[in-house]
Amino acid sequence: MSNWFRLPEVWTGPQRRVLLALLACLLVYLVIRLILNPAYVSDPQPLKPSRYDELADKIDPNTADWQTLAALPALGEKRAKTIVEYREAFVKEHPDHLAFEEPEDLLLVRGIGNALLATLRPYMLFPSDAATQPTSTPSP
């Protein structure tokens, strides 16, 4: 056999062994990570996270002060004060009723539209939300 058609070696023998050792170490590392930290991601993703209804930071617009409301995304100080003013005026006229019994009641406040309501909805708690949540019953 002649040497004129032989391909040149890109890696020498010791270089190949080092490369194989590095690849083996990487493979072992990845397998260990997979074993110690298994993760399952459903496809498609659920519309609500598993503990969505258990969030402790939901705000009731019927009781919150304007500073708390102003912390909500896209609301701001001016709209928060407007919500509180509307709520106080409503309660003064209707003492036995809540100003915001469902999310759509916020649309009655000047400066709040459908887009802002959609942004605020996950952060707010309304009496109609609490009534629709299932109560847990012990399983037999």
N, C-alpha and C. Protein backbone atom coordinates (compact mmCIF):
# COMPACT_ATOMS: atom_id res chain seq x y z
N MET A 1 0.83 -1.15 0.00
CA MET A 1 0.00 0.00 0.00
C MET A 1 0.89 1.24 0.00
N SER A 2 0.49 2.21 -0.78
CA SER A 2 1.33 3.41 -0.86
C SER A 2 0.77 4.50 0.04
N ASN A 3 1.59 5.47 0.37
CA ASN A 3 1.21 6.55 1.28
C ASN A 3 0.58 7.73 0.57
N TRP A 4 0.43 7.72 -0.74
CA TRP A 4 -0.07 8.89 -1.46
C TRP A 4 -1.56 9.14 -1.26
N PHE A 5 -2.38 8.12 -0.88
CA PHE A 5 -3.81 8.33 -0.66
C PHE A 5 -4.19 8.35 0.82
N ARG A 6 -3.24 8.23 1.69
CA ARG A 6 -3.50 8.20 3.13
C ARG A 6 -3.83 9.61 3.63
N LEU A 7 -4.94 9.72 4.43
CA LEU A 7 -5.34 11.01 4.98
C LEU A 7 -4.44 11.38 6.14
N PRO A 8 -4.14 12.68 6.27
CA PRO A 8 -3.30 13.09 7.40
C PRO A 8 -4.10 12.98 8.70
N GLU A 9 -3.45 12.63 9.77
CA GLU A 9 -4.10 12.51 11.06
C GLU A 9 -4.21 13.89 11.68
N VAL A 10 -5.44 14.25 12.07
CA VAL A 10 -5.67 15.55 12.67
C VAL A 10 -5.26 15.53 14.14
N TRP A 11 -5.56 14.43 14.82
CA TRP A 11 -5.26 14.30 16.23
C TRP A 11 -4.24 13.18 16.40
N THR A 12 -3.29 13.41 17.27
CA THR A 12 -2.33 12.34 17.58
C THR A 12 -2.97 11.39 18.57
N GLY A 13 -2.36 10.26 18.81
CA GLY A 13 -2.89 9.26 19.73
C GLY A 13 -3.11 9.82 21.14
N PRO A 14 -2.14 10.48 21.75
CA PRO A 14 -2.36 11.03 23.10
C PRO A 14 -3.46 12.12 23.13
N GLN A 15 -3.54 12.91 22.03
CA GLN A 15 -4.59 13.94 21.98
C GLN A 15 -5.97 13.30 21.91
N ARG A 16 -6.09 12.22 21.17
CA ARG A 16 -7.38 11.52 21.09
C ARG A 16 -7.79 10.95 22.43
N ARG A 17 -6.84 10.39 23.17
CA ARG A 17 -7.14 9.83 24.48
C ARG A 17 -7.59 10.93 25.45
N VAL A 18 -6.95 12.08 25.43
CA VAL A 18 -7.36 13.20 26.29
C VAL A 18 -8.75 13.68 25.90
N LEU A 19 -9.01 13.77 24.60
CA LEU A 19 -10.32 14.21 24.12
C LEU A 19 -11.41 13.21 24.54
N LEU A 20 -11.14 11.92 24.41
CA LEU A 20 -12.09 10.90 24.85
C LEU A 20 -12.32 10.96 26.36
N ALA A 21 -11.26 11.20 27.13
CA ALA A 21 -11.40 11.31 28.58
C ALA A 21 -12.26 12.52 28.95
N LEU A 22 -12.07 13.64 28.28
CA LEU A 22 -12.88 14.83 28.54
C LEU A 22 -14.35 14.58 28.18
N LEU A 23 -14.59 13.95 27.05
CA LEU A 23 -15.95 13.64 26.65
C LEU A 23 -16.61 12.66 27.63
N ALA A 24 -15.85 11.69 28.10
CA ALA A 24 -16.38 10.73 29.08
C ALA A 24 -16.72 11.44 30.38
N CYS A 25 -15.85 12.35 30.83
CA CYS A 25 -16.14 13.11 32.06
C CYS A 25 -17.39 13.96 31.88
N LEU A 26 -17.55 14.60 30.75
CA LEU A 26 -18.73 15.41 30.47
C LEU A 26 -19.99 14.55 30.47
N LEU A 27 -19.91 13.39 29.87
CA LEU A 27 -21.05 12.49 29.83
C LEU A 27 -21.42 12.02 31.24
N VAL A 28 -20.43 11.66 32.04
CA VAL A 28 -20.70 11.23 33.42
C VAL A 28 -21.34 12.38 34.21
N TYR A 29 -20.82 13.59 34.06
CA TYR A 29 -21.37 14.76 34.74
C TYR A 29 -22.83 14.98 34.36
N LEU A 30 -23.14 14.90 33.08
CA LEU A 30 -24.51 15.11 32.63
C LEU A 30 -25.46 14.02 33.12
N VAL A 31 -25.00 12.79 33.16
CA VAL A 31 -25.82 11.69 33.66
C VAL A 31 -26.10 11.88 35.15
N ILE A 32 -25.09 12.29 35.91
CA ILE A 32 -25.28 12.53 37.34
C ILE A 32 -26.27 13.67 37.56
N ARG A 33 -26.15 14.74 36.79
CA ARG A 33 -27.09 15.87 36.90
C ARG A 33 -28.51 15.43 36.59
N LEU A 34 -28.67 14.58 35.59
CA LEU A 34 -29.99 14.08 35.23
C LEU A 34 -30.58 13.22 36.34
N ILE A 35 -29.77 12.39 36.95
CA ILE A 35 -30.25 11.51 38.01
C ILE A 35 -30.62 12.30 39.26
N LEU A 36 -29.79 13.28 39.63
CA LEU A 36 -30.02 14.04 40.85
C LEU A 36 -31.09 15.13 40.70
N ASN A 37 -31.34 15.58 39.49
CA ASN A 37 -32.27 16.68 39.28
C ASN A 37 -33.19 16.38 38.10
N PRO A 38 -34.05 15.38 38.24
CA PRO A 38 -34.96 15.10 37.12
C PRO A 38 -36.04 16.19 37.05
N ALA A 39 -36.39 16.58 35.88
CA ALA A 39 -37.42 17.60 35.71
C ALA A 39 -38.35 17.16 34.60
N TYR A 40 -39.63 17.33 34.87
CA TYR A 40 -40.63 17.02 33.87
C TYR A 40 -41.33 18.31 33.50
N VAL A 41 -41.36 18.61 32.23
CA VAL A 41 -42.06 19.79 31.73
C VAL A 41 -43.15 19.29 30.80
N SER A 42 -44.39 19.57 31.20
CA SER A 42 -45.50 19.07 30.40
C SER A 42 -45.59 19.84 29.09
N ASP A 43 -46.10 19.19 28.11
CA ASP A 43 -46.29 19.83 26.81
C ASP A 43 -47.69 19.51 26.34
N PRO A 44 -48.58 20.43 26.22
CA PRO A 44 -48.40 21.88 26.34
C PRO A 44 -48.42 22.31 27.80
N GLN A 45 -47.93 23.51 28.05
CA GLN A 45 -47.90 24.06 29.40
C GLN A 45 -49.33 24.33 29.88
N PRO A 46 -49.60 24.12 31.17
CA PRO A 46 -50.94 24.41 31.69
C PRO A 46 -51.20 25.92 31.68
N LEU A 47 -52.48 26.28 31.59
CA LEU A 47 -52.84 27.69 31.58
C LEU A 47 -52.54 28.36 32.91
N LYS A 48 -52.73 27.63 34.02
CA LYS A 48 -52.43 28.15 35.35
C LYS A 48 -51.37 27.26 35.99
N PRO A 49 -50.40 27.84 36.69
CA PRO A 49 -49.42 27.03 37.41
C PRO A 49 -50.11 26.16 38.46
N SER A 50 -49.43 25.16 38.94
CA SER A 50 -50.03 24.20 39.85
C SER A 50 -50.53 24.82 41.15
N ARG A 51 -49.88 25.85 41.65
CA ARG A 51 -50.29 26.48 42.91
C ARG A 51 -50.81 27.89 42.68
N TYR A 52 -51.41 28.12 41.54
CA TYR A 52 -51.89 29.45 41.15
C TYR A 52 -52.86 30.05 42.17
N ASP A 53 -53.79 29.26 42.65
CA ASP A 53 -54.82 29.76 43.56
C ASP A 53 -54.33 29.91 45.00
N GLU A 54 -53.12 29.48 45.27
CA GLU A 54 -52.60 29.55 46.63
C GLU A 54 -51.68 30.74 46.86
N LEU A 55 -51.57 31.63 45.89
CA LEU A 55 -50.68 32.77 46.04
C LEU A 55 -51.10 33.62 47.24
N ALA A 56 -50.13 33.99 48.05
CA ALA A 56 -50.44 34.77 49.24
C ALA A 56 -50.43 36.26 48.94
N ASP A 57 -50.00 36.64 47.78
CA ASP A 57 -49.85 38.06 47.49
C ASP A 57 -50.95 38.62 46.60
N LYS A 58 -52.09 37.98 46.55
CA LYS A 58 -53.21 38.53 45.81
C LYS A 58 -53.83 39.65 46.65
N ILE A 59 -54.26 40.69 45.98
CA ILE A 59 -54.75 41.88 46.66
C ILE A 59 -56.24 42.03 46.44
N ASP A 60 -56.95 42.31 47.51
CA ASP A 60 -58.39 42.57 47.43
C ASP A 60 -58.59 44.07 47.24
N PRO A 61 -59.11 44.50 46.09
CA PRO A 61 -59.28 45.93 45.86
C PRO A 61 -60.34 46.55 46.76
N ASN A 62 -61.12 45.74 47.46
CA ASN A 62 -62.13 46.27 48.38
C ASN A 62 -61.54 46.70 49.71
N THR A 63 -60.33 46.23 50.03
CA THR A 63 -59.73 46.56 51.32
C THR A 63 -58.35 47.18 51.22
N ALA A 64 -57.69 47.07 50.09
CA ALA A 64 -56.31 47.53 49.94
C ALA A 64 -56.24 49.05 49.92
N ASP A 65 -55.16 49.59 50.50
CA ASP A 65 -54.93 51.04 50.42
C ASP A 65 -54.27 51.37 49.09
N TRP A 66 -54.16 52.64 48.78
CA TRP A 66 -53.65 53.03 47.46
C TRP A 66 -52.18 52.66 47.29
N GLN A 67 -51.41 52.63 48.39
CA GLN A 67 -49.99 52.27 48.27
C GLN A 67 -49.83 50.82 47.84
N THR A 68 -50.67 49.96 48.38
CA THR A 68 -50.63 48.54 48.00
C THR A 68 -51.07 48.36 46.56
N LEU A 69 -52.13 49.05 46.18
CA LEU A 69 -52.61 48.95 44.80
C LEU A 69 -51.59 49.51 43.81
N ALA A 70 -50.89 50.57 44.20
CA ALA A 70 -49.91 51.19 43.31
C ALA A 70 -48.74 50.27 43.00
N ALA A 71 -48.52 49.26 43.84
CA ALA A 71 -47.43 48.31 43.61
C ALA A 71 -47.73 47.32 42.51
N LEU A 72 -48.99 47.23 42.11
CA LEU A 72 -49.36 46.30 41.04
C LEU A 72 -48.80 46.78 39.70
N PRO A 73 -48.46 45.84 38.81
CA PRO A 73 -47.88 46.24 37.53
C PRO A 73 -48.84 47.08 36.70
N ALA A 74 -48.33 48.14 36.12
CA ALA A 74 -49.04 49.02 35.18
C ALA A 74 -50.15 49.83 35.83
N LEU A 75 -50.27 49.83 37.15
CA LEU A 75 -51.36 50.58 37.77
C LEU A 75 -50.92 51.99 38.13
N GLY A 76 -49.91 52.13 38.93
CA GLY A 76 -49.40 53.44 39.28
C GLY A 76 -50.19 54.12 40.39
N GLU A 77 -49.61 55.20 40.89
CA GLU A 77 -50.16 55.91 42.04
C GLU A 77 -51.49 56.58 41.70
N LYS A 78 -51.58 57.23 40.57
CA LYS A 78 -52.79 57.98 40.22
C LYS A 78 -54.00 57.06 40.07
N ARG A 79 -53.84 55.97 39.35
CA ARG A 79 -54.97 55.04 39.18
C ARG A 79 -55.32 54.34 40.49
N ALA A 80 -54.32 54.06 41.31
CA ALA A 80 -54.58 53.44 42.61
C ALA A 80 -55.42 54.37 43.49
N LYS A 81 -55.08 55.64 43.48
CA LYS A 81 -55.87 56.60 44.26
C LYS A 81 -57.28 56.72 43.68
N THR A 82 -57.41 56.64 42.35
CA THR A 82 -58.73 56.71 41.73
C THR A 82 -59.58 55.51 42.13
N ILE A 83 -58.97 54.33 42.22
CA ILE A 83 -59.70 53.13 42.65
C ILE A 83 -60.20 53.31 44.08
N VAL A 84 -59.33 53.80 44.96
CA VAL A 84 -59.71 53.99 46.36
C VAL A 84 -60.83 55.04 46.47
N GLU A 85 -60.73 56.12 45.71
CA GLU A 85 -61.77 57.16 45.73
C GLU A 85 -63.10 56.58 45.24
N TYR A 86 -63.07 55.82 44.16
CA TYR A 86 -64.29 55.21 43.64
C TYR A 86 -64.89 54.27 44.68
N ARG A 87 -64.03 53.44 45.30
CA ARG A 87 -64.50 52.47 46.29
C ARG A 87 -65.16 53.19 47.47
N GLU A 88 -64.53 54.25 47.97
CA GLU A 88 -65.09 54.97 49.11
C GLU A 88 -66.41 55.63 48.76
N ALA A 89 -66.52 56.20 47.56
CA ALA A 89 -67.77 56.82 47.13
C ALA A 89 -68.87 55.77 46.96
N PHE A 90 -68.51 54.61 46.41
CA PHE A 90 -69.49 53.54 46.21
C PHE A 90 -70.00 53.03 47.55
N VAL A 91 -69.10 52.79 48.50
CA VAL A 91 -69.49 52.27 49.80
C VAL A 91 -70.34 53.30 50.55
N LYS A 92 -70.07 54.58 50.35
CA LYS A 92 -70.86 55.62 50.99
C LYS A 92 -72.30 55.60 50.47
N GLU A 93 -72.47 55.35 49.17
CA GLU A 93 -73.80 55.30 48.58
C GLU A 93 -74.49 53.97 48.81
N HIS A 94 -73.72 52.87 48.86
CA HIS A 94 -74.27 51.51 49.04
C HIS A 94 -73.56 50.85 50.21
N PRO A 95 -73.95 51.16 51.44
CA PRO A 95 -73.19 50.69 52.60
C PRO A 95 -73.15 49.16 52.77
N ASP A 96 -74.10 48.45 52.24
CA ASP A 96 -74.14 47.00 52.44
C ASP A 96 -73.52 46.21 51.29
N HIS A 97 -72.90 46.87 50.34
CA HIS A 97 -72.35 46.19 49.18
C HIS A 97 -70.86 46.48 49.03
N LEU A 98 -70.18 45.55 48.37
CA LEU A 98 -68.77 45.76 48.03
C LEU A 98 -68.69 46.48 46.70
N ALA A 99 -67.69 47.31 46.56
CA ALA A 99 -67.53 48.06 45.32
C ALA A 99 -67.08 47.15 44.18
N PHE A 100 -66.25 46.15 44.50
CA PHE A 100 -65.68 45.29 43.47
C PHE A 100 -65.97 43.83 43.83
N GLU A 101 -67.06 43.32 43.32
CA GLU A 101 -67.41 41.93 43.59
C GLU A 101 -66.85 40.98 42.55
N GLU A 102 -66.53 41.49 41.38
CA GLU A 102 -65.91 40.68 40.32
C GLU A 102 -64.95 41.59 39.55
N PRO A 103 -64.02 41.00 38.82
CA PRO A 103 -63.01 41.81 38.15
C PRO A 103 -63.58 42.88 37.22
N GLU A 104 -64.67 42.58 36.56
CA GLU A 104 -65.25 43.53 35.61
C GLU A 104 -65.75 44.80 36.27
N ASP A 105 -65.97 44.78 37.59
CA ASP A 105 -66.38 45.99 38.30
C ASP A 105 -65.31 47.07 38.26
N LEU A 106 -64.06 46.67 38.08
CA LEU A 106 -62.98 47.66 37.97
C LEU A 106 -63.10 48.51 36.71
N LEU A 107 -63.82 48.01 35.72
CA LEU A 107 -63.99 48.78 34.48
C LEU A 107 -64.81 50.05 34.71
N LEU A 108 -65.52 50.13 35.83
CA LEU A 108 -66.29 51.32 36.15
C LEU A 108 -65.41 52.46 36.64
N VAL A 109 -64.17 52.16 36.99
CA VAL A 109 -63.24 53.18 37.46
C VAL A 109 -62.62 53.87 36.25
N ARG A 110 -62.59 55.21 36.32
CA ARG A 110 -62.02 55.99 35.22
C ARG A 110 -60.53 55.64 35.06
N GLY A 111 -60.12 55.35 33.83
CA GLY A 111 -58.72 55.05 33.53
C GLY A 111 -58.39 53.58 33.47
N ILE A 112 -59.36 52.72 33.75
CA ILE A 112 -59.10 51.27 33.69
C ILE A 112 -59.92 50.69 32.55
N GLY A 113 -59.20 50.05 31.62
CA GLY A 113 -59.85 49.42 30.48
C GLY A 113 -59.61 47.93 30.49
N ASN A 114 -60.02 47.29 29.42
CA ASN A 114 -59.92 45.83 29.33
C ASN A 114 -58.47 45.34 29.37
N ALA A 115 -57.56 46.06 28.70
CA ALA A 115 -56.16 45.64 28.68
C ALA A 115 -55.54 45.71 30.07
N LEU A 116 -55.79 46.79 30.78
CA LEU A 116 -55.25 46.93 32.13
C LEU A 116 -55.89 45.91 33.07
N LEU A 117 -57.17 45.66 32.89
CA LEU A 117 -57.86 44.66 33.72
C LEU A 117 -57.25 43.28 33.51
N ALA A 118 -56.93 42.94 32.27
CA ALA A 118 -56.30 41.65 31.98
C ALA A 118 -54.93 41.55 32.65
N THR A 119 -54.21 42.67 32.73
CA THR A 119 -52.90 42.68 33.39
C THR A 119 -53.05 42.52 34.90
N LEU A 120 -54.06 43.14 35.48
CA LEU A 120 -54.24 43.14 36.93
C LEU A 120 -54.90 41.88 37.46
N ARG A 121 -55.68 41.22 36.66
CA ARG A 121 -56.51 40.08 37.12
C ARG A 121 -55.72 39.02 37.90
N PRO A 122 -54.52 38.58 37.49
CA PRO A 122 -53.82 37.54 38.27
C PRO A 122 -53.37 38.00 39.65
N TYR A 123 -53.32 39.30 39.87
CA TYR A 123 -52.80 39.82 41.13
C TYR A 123 -53.90 40.23 42.11
N MET A 124 -55.14 40.12 41.69
CA MET A 124 -56.24 40.60 42.52
C MET A 124 -57.16 39.45 42.94
N LEU A 125 -57.77 39.63 44.10
CA LEU A 125 -58.67 38.64 44.67
C LEU A 125 -60.04 39.28 44.83
N PHE A 126 -61.07 38.61 44.32
CA PHE A 126 -62.44 39.12 44.38
C PHE A 126 -63.31 38.09 45.08
N PRO A 127 -64.43 38.54 45.69
CA PRO A 127 -65.34 37.57 46.34
C PRO A 127 -65.84 36.50 45.38
N SER A 128 -66.04 36.84 44.11
CA SER A 128 -66.52 35.84 43.15
C SER A 128 -65.46 34.77 42.90
N ASP A 129 -64.15 35.15 43.01
CA ASP A 129 -63.08 34.16 42.87
C ASP A 129 -63.09 33.18 44.02
N ALA A 130 -63.29 33.68 45.23
CA ALA A 130 -63.29 32.82 46.41
C ALA A 130 -64.48 31.87 46.40
N ALA A 131 -65.60 32.32 45.84
CA ALA A 131 -66.80 31.47 45.80
C ALA A 131 -66.66 30.34 44.80
N THR A 132 -65.87 30.55 43.74
CA THR A 132 -65.74 29.52 42.71
C THR A 132 -64.62 28.54 43.00
N GLN A 133 -63.77 28.81 44.01
CA GLN A 133 -62.69 27.88 44.32
C GLN A 133 -63.26 26.65 45.01
N PRO A 134 -62.83 25.47 44.58
CA PRO A 134 -63.35 24.26 45.21
C PRO A 134 -62.81 24.11 46.61
N THR A 135 -63.62 23.59 47.48
CA THR A 135 -63.16 23.32 48.83
C THR A 135 -62.59 21.92 48.87
N SER A 136 -61.55 21.74 49.64
CA SER A 136 -60.92 20.42 49.69
C SER A 136 -61.69 19.53 50.65
N THR A 137 -61.93 18.33 50.21
CA THR A 137 -62.61 17.34 51.04
C THR A 137 -61.67 16.17 51.26
N PRO A 138 -61.68 15.60 52.43
CA PRO A 138 -60.79 14.46 52.66
C PRO A 138 -61.17 13.28 51.79
N SER A 139 -60.17 12.65 51.25
CA SER A 139 -60.44 11.49 50.40
C SER A 139 -60.52 10.23 51.26
N PRO A 140 -61.37 9.30 50.87
CA PRO A 140 -61.55 8.08 51.69
C PRO A 140 -60.35 7.17 51.61
